[in-house]
Amino acid sequence: MSSKTLEEYVRSAGLSYKNLRRIYEEIVSGRLKLVDPNPPKVFAEYLVRADYSAWFWTIVTLTLLSVVSVYASDLIPQLLYLRYVVGSVLVLFIVGYVTIELLYPEEKSLTDLERLALSIGLSLAVVPLLGLALNYTPWGIRLEPVLTTISSYSIAGALGAAYRKYKIVRRES
């Protein structure tokens, strides 16, 4: 197995569709491993580089958009539909996705379909557990505590998963 940067390999193979298809097949079969010539050295650099952390910023953005849509829909009634859509994504997918990313940070450990199915399933399991725990607090089960708990869990879990993924990147470089 050879290790080259993507730029080195594409230059040596040419840019035709046939050559790009051959490169793809070599990567999938494991005969070729592409390496990053300049991997992130610190966690903050990992978070800033979109090629590593786009998933993290997508989760944070959707979570914050959900929080904002809950409060903004009281002021602007047209945002109620956005609140329904983004809130459903937060409750039914993001909570489980963050949990899966935290438990299985390596890309190769699960296929995309397995990640999707487990994300939905774990969301359906974790959100009621968060609600159950919240029931025994002084705040109870109301909109603000539930929203705070679910969004905090999502962002904290995403940060933990990002750190675990960063450790894998550091180990491989």
Foldseek 3Di string as FASTA:
>chain_A
DDEDAPVVQCVVQDDDPVSVVVVVVCVVVVVYDYADPDADDDLVVQCVDCVRNVVLVVLLVLLVQLVVLVVVCVVPVVSVVVNVVSVCCLQQALLQLLVCLLVDVDCPPDDPVVSRVRRRVVSVVVLVVLLVVQCPDPVHDDDVVSSVSSSVSRNVSSSNSSVVNSVVSVVVD
